[in-house]
Amino acid sequence: MKRAVWTWAGNAIALYAAVAAVGDATFAGWTSLLLAAAVFGVVNAIVKPVVKLLALPVIVLTVGIALFFINVLMLWITDAIVSGIHIGGFVSLVSASVVIWLVNMVLTWLPGPWGERKRD
């Protein structure tokens, strides 16, 4: 349970940073951001493994580059489900995905619960 809360908090931080950094991205309020973080976590936990399995040949052929576009797809699905967050256009989705990746990378380097999560 503790891990899920920290994952949710990390997703919220990453989504907030993405919306702040990308010009064509908005959220309606903190409730929308927290809901989007929860949906993003569920989408990444349930949908992403299935998509990765189905896209395995493409992932191998592109030497893993397709994994980035799977991350963009997960963000797009979250955007489509949660009405309070909007990331407009493909370029904005790609930019937001890069920001989310960077924030998650920094969080795993920090001491504390985010770094511990990866070592379990």
Protein backbone atom coordinates (compact mmCIF):
# COMPACT_ATOMS: atom_id res chain seq x y z
CA MET A 1 0.00 0.00 0.00
CA LYS A 2 2.83 2.39 0.86
CA ARG A 3 4.45 1.76 -2.52
CA ALA A 4 1.22 2.63 -4.34
CA VAL A 5 0.96 5.94 -2.48
CA TRP A 6 4.53 6.89 -3.38
CA THR A 7 3.98 5.86 -7.00
CA TRP A 8 0.85 8.01 -7.09
CA ALA A 9 2.74 10.95 -5.56
CA GLY A 10 5.57 10.50 -8.07
CA ASN A 11 3.08 10.43 -10.94
CA ALA A 12 1.46 13.62 -9.62
CA ILE A 13 4.82 15.38 -9.42
CA ALA A 14 5.80 14.21 -12.90
CA LEU A 15 2.45 15.22 -14.44
CA TYR A 16 2.60 18.62 -12.75
CA ALA A 17 6.11 19.18 -14.11
CA ALA A 18 4.99 18.08 -17.59
CA VAL A 19 2.02 20.46 -17.58
CA ALA A 20 4.24 23.30 -16.31
CA ALA A 21 6.94 22.63 -18.92
CA VAL A 22 4.79 21.99 -21.99
CA GLY A 23 3.08 25.02 -23.46
CA ASP A 24 -0.02 23.24 -24.77
CA ALA A 25 -0.88 21.36 -21.57
CA THR A 26 -3.29 22.30 -18.80
CA PHE A 27 -5.10 20.83 -15.84
CA ALA A 28 -8.33 22.07 -14.29
CA GLY A 29 -7.18 21.91 -10.67
CA TRP A 30 -5.42 19.84 -8.07
CA THR A 31 -8.23 17.29 -7.98
CA SER A 32 -7.87 16.73 -11.72
CA LEU A 33 -4.10 16.39 -11.37
CA LEU A 34 -4.40 13.82 -8.56
CA LEU A 35 -7.05 11.89 -10.48
CA ALA A 36 -4.86 11.93 -13.60
CA ALA A 37 -1.91 10.64 -11.52
CA ALA A 38 -4.04 7.74 -10.28
CA VAL A 39 -5.34 6.93 -13.77
CA PHE A 40 -1.81 7.19 -15.19
CA GLY A 41 -0.62 4.68 -12.60
CA VAL A 42 -3.43 2.25 -13.40
CA VAL A 43 -2.90 2.62 -17.15
CA ASN A 44 0.82 1.97 -16.71
CA ALA A 45 0.16 -1.05 -14.49
CA ILE A 46 -2.58 -2.71 -16.57
CA VAL A 47 -2.56 -1.48 -20.17
CA LYS A 48 1.16 -0.92 -20.70
CA PRO A 49 2.26 -4.57 -20.17
CA VAL A 50 -0.34 -5.78 -22.66
CA VAL A 51 0.70 -3.20 -25.25
CA LYS A 52 4.37 -4.05 -24.72
CA LEU A 53 3.66 -7.74 -25.26
CA LEU A 54 1.66 -7.07 -28.43
CA ALA A 55 4.32 -4.66 -29.72
CA LEU A 56 7.26 -6.91 -28.89
CA PRO A 57 8.25 -7.51 -32.54
CA VAL A 58 8.26 -3.76 -33.22
CA ILE A 59 10.20 -3.12 -30.02
CA VAL A 60 12.86 -5.61 -31.11
CA LEU A 61 13.01 -4.23 -34.66
CA THR A 62 13.40 -0.65 -33.43
CA VAL A 63 15.91 -1.66 -30.75
CA GLY A 64 13.62 -0.36 -28.02
CA ILE A 65 12.73 3.01 -29.52
CA ALA A 66 9.10 1.88 -29.77
CA LEU A 67 9.00 1.78 -25.95
CA PHE A 68 9.13 5.57 -25.91
CA PHE A 69 6.08 5.76 -28.14
CA ILE A 70 4.29 3.27 -25.89
CA ASN A 71 4.91 5.75 -23.04
CA VAL A 72 3.43 8.50 -25.21
CA LEU A 73 0.41 6.26 -25.84
CA MET A 74 -0.08 5.71 -22.09
CA LEU A 75 -0.06 9.47 -21.54
CA TRP A 76 -2.53 9.95 -24.38
CA ILE A 77 -4.85 7.32 -22.88
CA THR A 78 -4.68 9.13 -19.53
CA ASP A 79 -5.46 12.41 -21.27
CA ALA A 80 -8.45 10.80 -23.00
CA ILE A 81 -9.84 9.32 -19.77
CA VAL A 82 -9.42 12.30 -17.42
CA SER A 83 -11.36 15.31 -18.62
CA GLY A 84 -9.61 17.73 -16.24
CA ILE A 85 -6.21 17.40 -17.91
CA HIS A 86 -5.43 18.30 -21.49
CA ILE A 87 -2.24 17.79 -23.47
CA GLY A 88 -2.79 19.09 -26.97
CA GLY A 89 -1.22 17.44 -29.97
CA PHE A 90 1.41 14.84 -30.68
CA VAL A 91 4.39 17.12 -30.12
CA SER A 92 3.04 18.15 -26.71
CA LEU A 93 2.48 14.50 -25.78
CA VAL A 94 6.06 13.65 -26.79
CA SER A 95 7.42 16.64 -24.86
CA ALA A 96 5.35 15.77 -21.79
CA SER A 97 6.55 12.16 -21.96
CA VAL A 98 10.17 13.34 -21.98
CA VAL A 99 9.51 15.57 -18.96
CA ILE A 100 7.79 12.71 -17.10
CA TRP A 101 10.72 10.43 -17.88
CA LEU A 102 13.21 13.02 -16.60
CA VAL A 103 11.25 13.65 -13.40
CA ASN A 104 10.94 9.91 -12.71
CA MET A 105 14.67 9.49 -13.32
CA VAL A 106 15.48 12.28 -10.85
CA LEU A 107 13.05 10.84 -8.28
CA THR A 108 14.74 7.43 -8.43
CA TRP A 109 18.11 9.10 -7.77
CA LEU A 110 16.84 10.94 -4.70
CA PRO A 111 17.16 9.29 -1.31
CA GLY A 112 13.88 8.27 0.20
CA PRO A 113 10.82 6.33 -0.88
CA TRP A 114 11.22 6.76 -4.64
CA GLY A 115 14.69 5.28 -4.71
CA GLU A 116 13.77 2.52 -2.25
CA ARG A 117 10.86 1.43 -4.43
CA LYS A 118 13.23 0.30 -7.18
CA ARG A 119 15.39 -1.77 -4.83
CA ASP A 120 12.61 -4.04 -3.49
